[in-house]
Amino acid sequence: MQYFSYNISTEIIELAEIYFPTDYTSQIQKKHTYEQSLGGRYLVSKIVEENWGVLGFLPRVDEGGKPVSEWGFFWSISHSQDHVYVGVSGNPIWVDIEVIRTRDESLFGTFSEQEWNILGEKNWESFYILWSAKEALVKRHLGWVDDVVNWQLVKVEWISEGMKRLFFTDGGSREAVYSEAGNEIVMSICW
C-alpha cells in the first residue's frame, strides 16, 4: 500500500499535462477541480508505474465518479484546496483529506456529544478528524456526504503523535479508519 499527500504545484500540473494524452486531459478539464484532479491522477499513475510496473496507467472513474480498478490494484484520490491525498493498494482503499479551517461553530452539531466526548476535544482539528474519517467510510460504502451522520464514533486509539485509529458503527457493521492531523490538514484512510 502506498499513500501520499502533496501540494499541487504548477510543476506537477505541467508534468501531468505532458504525461497524459490530450483526450484524457480534455475530459478532466471539464471538472471545476481540474488541477487537483489532474495532479492526483498523475501521482496515482507514477505510484502505479513505480510499484506495479504499469507504464502509462490512466486512472479512470465510472459514471458515478468511483475509481475503476484495473491491473490488480485499487486507487483513491481526495483533494482540498491545493492539497491532494492519493492511495494505491493491492486491496480496496479509500482516502480523504481536509484543510483545517475555522467555520461557523454550528457545524459542531453535525456530530453527537457522545462522539465529541470519545474524541476528547471540541475544536476544528477534531471536527475535521471526524469529518474526514467519516467521509472515507462513506466513499467505502458508496454513499453520499450526507451519510456521514449514519456512522457513529465508538472508540479511538492513539497510534502515535497526530495518528489515531477511529472505530465507527452504522448500527450493524463496525469499521476502522486511520486519521492523521498535522500542518493544518487531516488525512484519513480505510481499507
Protein backbone atom coordinates (compact mmCIF):
# COMPACT_ATOMS: atom_id res chain seq x y z
CA MET A 1 0.00 0.00 0.00
CA GLN A 2 1.28 3.44 -0.93
CA TYR A 3 -0.29 6.72 0.14
CA PHE A 4 0.99 10.26 -0.07
CA SER A 5 -0.09 13.83 0.49
CA TYR A 6 1.13 16.58 -1.84
CA ASN A 7 0.65 20.24 -2.53
CA ILE A 8 -0.44 20.59 -6.13
CA SER A 9 2.17 22.77 -7.82
CA THR A 10 2.48 24.23 -11.29
CA GLU A 11 5.32 21.76 -11.88
CA ILE A 12 3.10 18.73 -11.15
CA ILE A 13 0.36 20.09 -13.44
CA GLU A 14 2.86 20.68 -16.25
CA LEU A 15 4.28 17.15 -15.86
CA ALA A 16 0.76 15.68 -15.86
CA GLU A 17 -0.22 17.58 -19.00
CA ILE A 18 2.84 16.17 -20.77
CA TYR A 19 2.35 12.64 -19.35
CA PHE A 20 -1.34 12.12 -20.22
CA PRO A 21 -2.82 12.03 -23.74
CA THR A 22 -4.73 15.16 -24.77
CA ASP A 23 -8.08 13.34 -25.00
CA TYR A 24 -7.63 12.18 -21.38
CA THR A 25 -6.81 15.65 -20.03
CA SER A 26 -9.64 17.23 -22.04
CA GLN A 27 -12.13 15.03 -20.15
CA ILE A 28 -10.72 16.21 -16.83
CA GLN A 29 -10.70 19.88 -17.93
CA LYS A 30 -14.49 19.85 -17.62
CA LYS A 31 -14.16 19.49 -13.86
CA HIS A 32 -14.07 22.62 -11.69
CA THR A 33 -11.22 20.93 -9.79
CA TYR A 34 -9.10 20.36 -12.90
CA GLU A 35 -5.68 20.97 -11.35
CA GLN A 36 -6.33 18.85 -8.23
CA SER A 37 -7.91 16.05 -10.28
CA LEU A 38 -5.17 16.03 -12.90
CA GLY A 39 -2.37 16.28 -10.33
CA GLY A 40 -3.86 13.49 -8.20
CA ARG A 41 -4.26 11.20 -11.20
CA TYR A 42 -0.70 11.89 -12.28
CA LEU A 43 0.57 10.95 -8.81
CA VAL A 44 -1.50 7.74 -8.89
CA SER A 45 -0.02 6.91 -12.32
CA LYS A 46 3.52 7.41 -11.06
CA ILE A 47 2.90 5.24 -7.96
CA VAL A 48 1.43 2.51 -10.19
CA GLU A 49 4.42 2.75 -12.52
CA GLU A 50 6.91 2.56 -9.66
CA ASN A 51 5.21 -0.21 -7.65
CA TRP A 52 3.35 -2.31 -10.25
CA GLY A 53 5.42 -1.63 -13.36
CA VAL A 54 2.40 -0.45 -15.39
CA LEU A 55 3.53 2.31 -17.75
CA GLY A 56 1.08 4.97 -18.92
CA PHE A 57 -1.71 4.00 -16.50
CA LEU A 58 -4.76 6.23 -16.96
CA PRO A 59 -6.85 6.37 -13.76
CA ARG A 60 -10.49 6.17 -14.83
CA VAL A 61 -13.77 6.52 -12.98
CA ASP A 62 -17.20 5.02 -13.64
CA GLU A 63 -20.37 7.02 -14.34
CA GLY A 64 -20.81 7.58 -10.59
CA GLY A 65 -17.30 9.04 -10.25
CA LYS A 66 -15.88 5.98 -8.42
CA PRO A 67 -12.36 4.77 -9.34
CA VAL A 68 -12.24 1.81 -11.72
CA SER A 69 -9.85 -0.90 -10.55
CA GLU A 70 -7.61 -2.47 -13.16
CA TRP A 71 -4.40 -4.46 -13.22
CA GLY A 72 -4.88 -5.90 -9.71
CA PHE A 73 -4.67 -2.68 -7.72
CA PHE A 74 -7.06 -0.08 -6.35
CA TRP A 75 -6.67 3.69 -6.05
CA SER A 76 -8.31 6.64 -4.36
CA ILE A 77 -7.83 10.41 -4.58
CA SER A 78 -9.05 13.23 -2.38
CA HIS A 79 -8.30 16.93 -2.57
CA SER A 80 -8.97 20.02 -0.51
CA GLN A 81 -7.85 23.42 -1.71
CA ASP A 82 -4.32 22.89 -3.11
CA HIS A 83 -3.67 19.64 -1.22
CA VAL A 84 -4.16 16.17 -2.69
CA TYR A 85 -4.03 12.79 -0.94
CA VAL A 86 -3.64 9.64 -3.03
CA GLY A 87 -3.66 5.98 -2.09
CA VAL A 88 -2.88 2.91 -4.20
CA SER A 89 -3.10 -0.64 -2.90
CA GLY A 90 -3.50 -4.28 -3.88
CA ASN A 91 -6.74 -4.16 -1.87
CA PRO A 92 -9.63 -1.68 -1.99
CA ILE A 93 -8.63 1.65 -0.40
CA TRP A 94 -10.41 4.93 0.31
CA VAL A 95 -8.81 8.23 1.33
CA ASP A 96 -9.95 11.70 2.33
CA ILE A 97 -8.12 14.96 3.03
CA GLU A 98 -9.42 18.17 4.57
CA VAL A 99 -7.74 21.50 5.22
CA ILE A 100 -8.42 22.59 8.80
CA ARG A 101 -10.13 25.96 8.82
CA THR A 102 -12.37 27.88 11.17
CA ARG A 103 -16.03 27.85 10.20
CA ASP A 104 -19.39 28.54 11.80
CA GLU A 105 -19.46 26.71 15.14
CA SER A 106 -22.97 25.45 14.44
CA LEU A 107 -21.19 22.74 12.39
CA PHE A 108 -20.07 21.16 15.66
CA GLY A 109 -23.68 19.96 15.91
CA THR A 110 -23.02 17.64 12.96
CA PHE A 111 -21.62 15.16 15.49
CA SER A 112 -23.14 13.85 18.70
CA GLU A 113 -21.97 14.84 22.17
CA GLN A 114 -21.01 11.19 22.68
CA GLU A 115 -18.64 11.42 19.69
CA TRP A 116 -17.11 14.65 20.99
CA ASN A 117 -16.60 13.02 24.42
CA ILE A 118 -14.90 9.98 22.88
CA LEU A 119 -12.58 12.17 20.81
CA GLY A 120 -11.87 14.39 23.79
CA GLU A 121 -11.88 17.91 22.38
CA LYS A 122 -14.40 20.07 20.56
CA ASN A 123 -12.25 22.13 18.20
CA TRP A 124 -11.70 22.47 14.46
CA GLU A 125 -8.95 19.86 14.26
CA SER A 126 -11.21 17.31 15.99
CA PHE A 127 -14.12 18.30 13.74
CA TYR A 128 -12.07 17.62 10.62
CA ILE A 129 -10.70 14.35 12.03
CA LEU A 130 -14.28 13.13 12.48
CA TRP A 131 -15.46 14.56 9.16
CA SER A 132 -12.54 13.18 7.16
CA ALA A 133 -12.76 9.72 8.75
CA LYS A 134 -16.49 9.54 8.11
CA GLU A 135 -16.07 10.77 4.54
CA ALA A 136 -13.55 7.96 3.86
CA LEU A 137 -16.14 5.50 5.21
CA VAL A 138 -18.88 6.98 3.06
CA LYS A 139 -16.64 6.56 -0.01
CA ARG A 140 -16.02 2.95 1.00
CA HIS A 141 -19.73 2.25 1.19
CA LEU A 142 -20.53 4.23 -1.99
CA GLY A 143 -22.69 6.68 -0.10
CA TRP A 144 -23.25 10.42 -0.17
CA VAL A 145 -21.69 13.12 2.01
CA ASP A 146 -24.98 13.41 3.92
CA ASP A 147 -24.41 9.82 5.07
CA VAL A 148 -21.64 10.89 7.49
CA VAL A 149 -24.27 11.19 10.23
CA ASN A 150 -25.07 7.46 9.87
CA TRP A 151 -21.64 6.46 11.17
CA GLN A 152 -21.14 6.89 14.93
CA LEU A 153 -17.73 7.05 16.56
CA VAL A 154 -17.49 4.40 19.29
CA LYS A 155 -13.77 4.26 20.15
CA VAL A 156 -10.44 5.99 19.49
CA GLU A 157 -6.95 4.53 19.79
CA TRP A 158 -3.94 6.85 19.68
CA ILE A 159 -1.33 5.21 17.45
CA SER A 160 1.32 7.94 17.58
CA GLU A 161 1.58 11.73 17.74
CA GLY A 162 -1.14 13.01 15.42
CA MET A 163 -2.22 9.49 14.27
CA LYS A 164 -5.44 7.92 15.51
CA ARG A 165 -7.43 4.80 14.70
CA LEU A 166 -11.12 5.60 14.93
CA PHE A 167 -13.78 2.91 15.22
CA PHE A 168 -17.27 3.55 13.87
CA THR A 169 -20.55 1.70 13.67
CA ASP A 170 -23.60 2.24 11.50
CA GLY A 171 -25.71 0.13 13.84
CA GLY A 172 -24.72 -3.10 12.13
CA SER A 173 -21.14 -3.21 10.95
CA ARG A 174 -18.04 -1.86 12.65
CA GLU A 175 -15.28 -0.13 10.69
CA ALA A 176 -11.85 1.32 11.48
CA VAL A 177 -10.31 4.41 9.89
CA TYR A 178 -6.82 5.79 10.39
CA SER A 179 -6.64 9.58 10.64
CA GLU A 180 -3.62 11.84 10.90
CA ALA A 181 -3.64 15.54 11.67
CA GLY A 182 -0.75 17.95 11.19
CA ASN A 183 0.30 21.07 9.33
CA GLU A 184 -3.30 22.31 9.16
CA ILE A 185 -4.57 19.24 7.27
CA VAL A 186 -6.29 15.99 8.23
CA MET A 187 -5.86 12.82 6.17
CA SER A 188 -7.92 9.66 6.63
CA ILE A 189 -7.60 6.20 5.08
CA CYS A 190 -9.54 2.98 5.31
CA TRP A 191 -9.27 -0.33 3.54
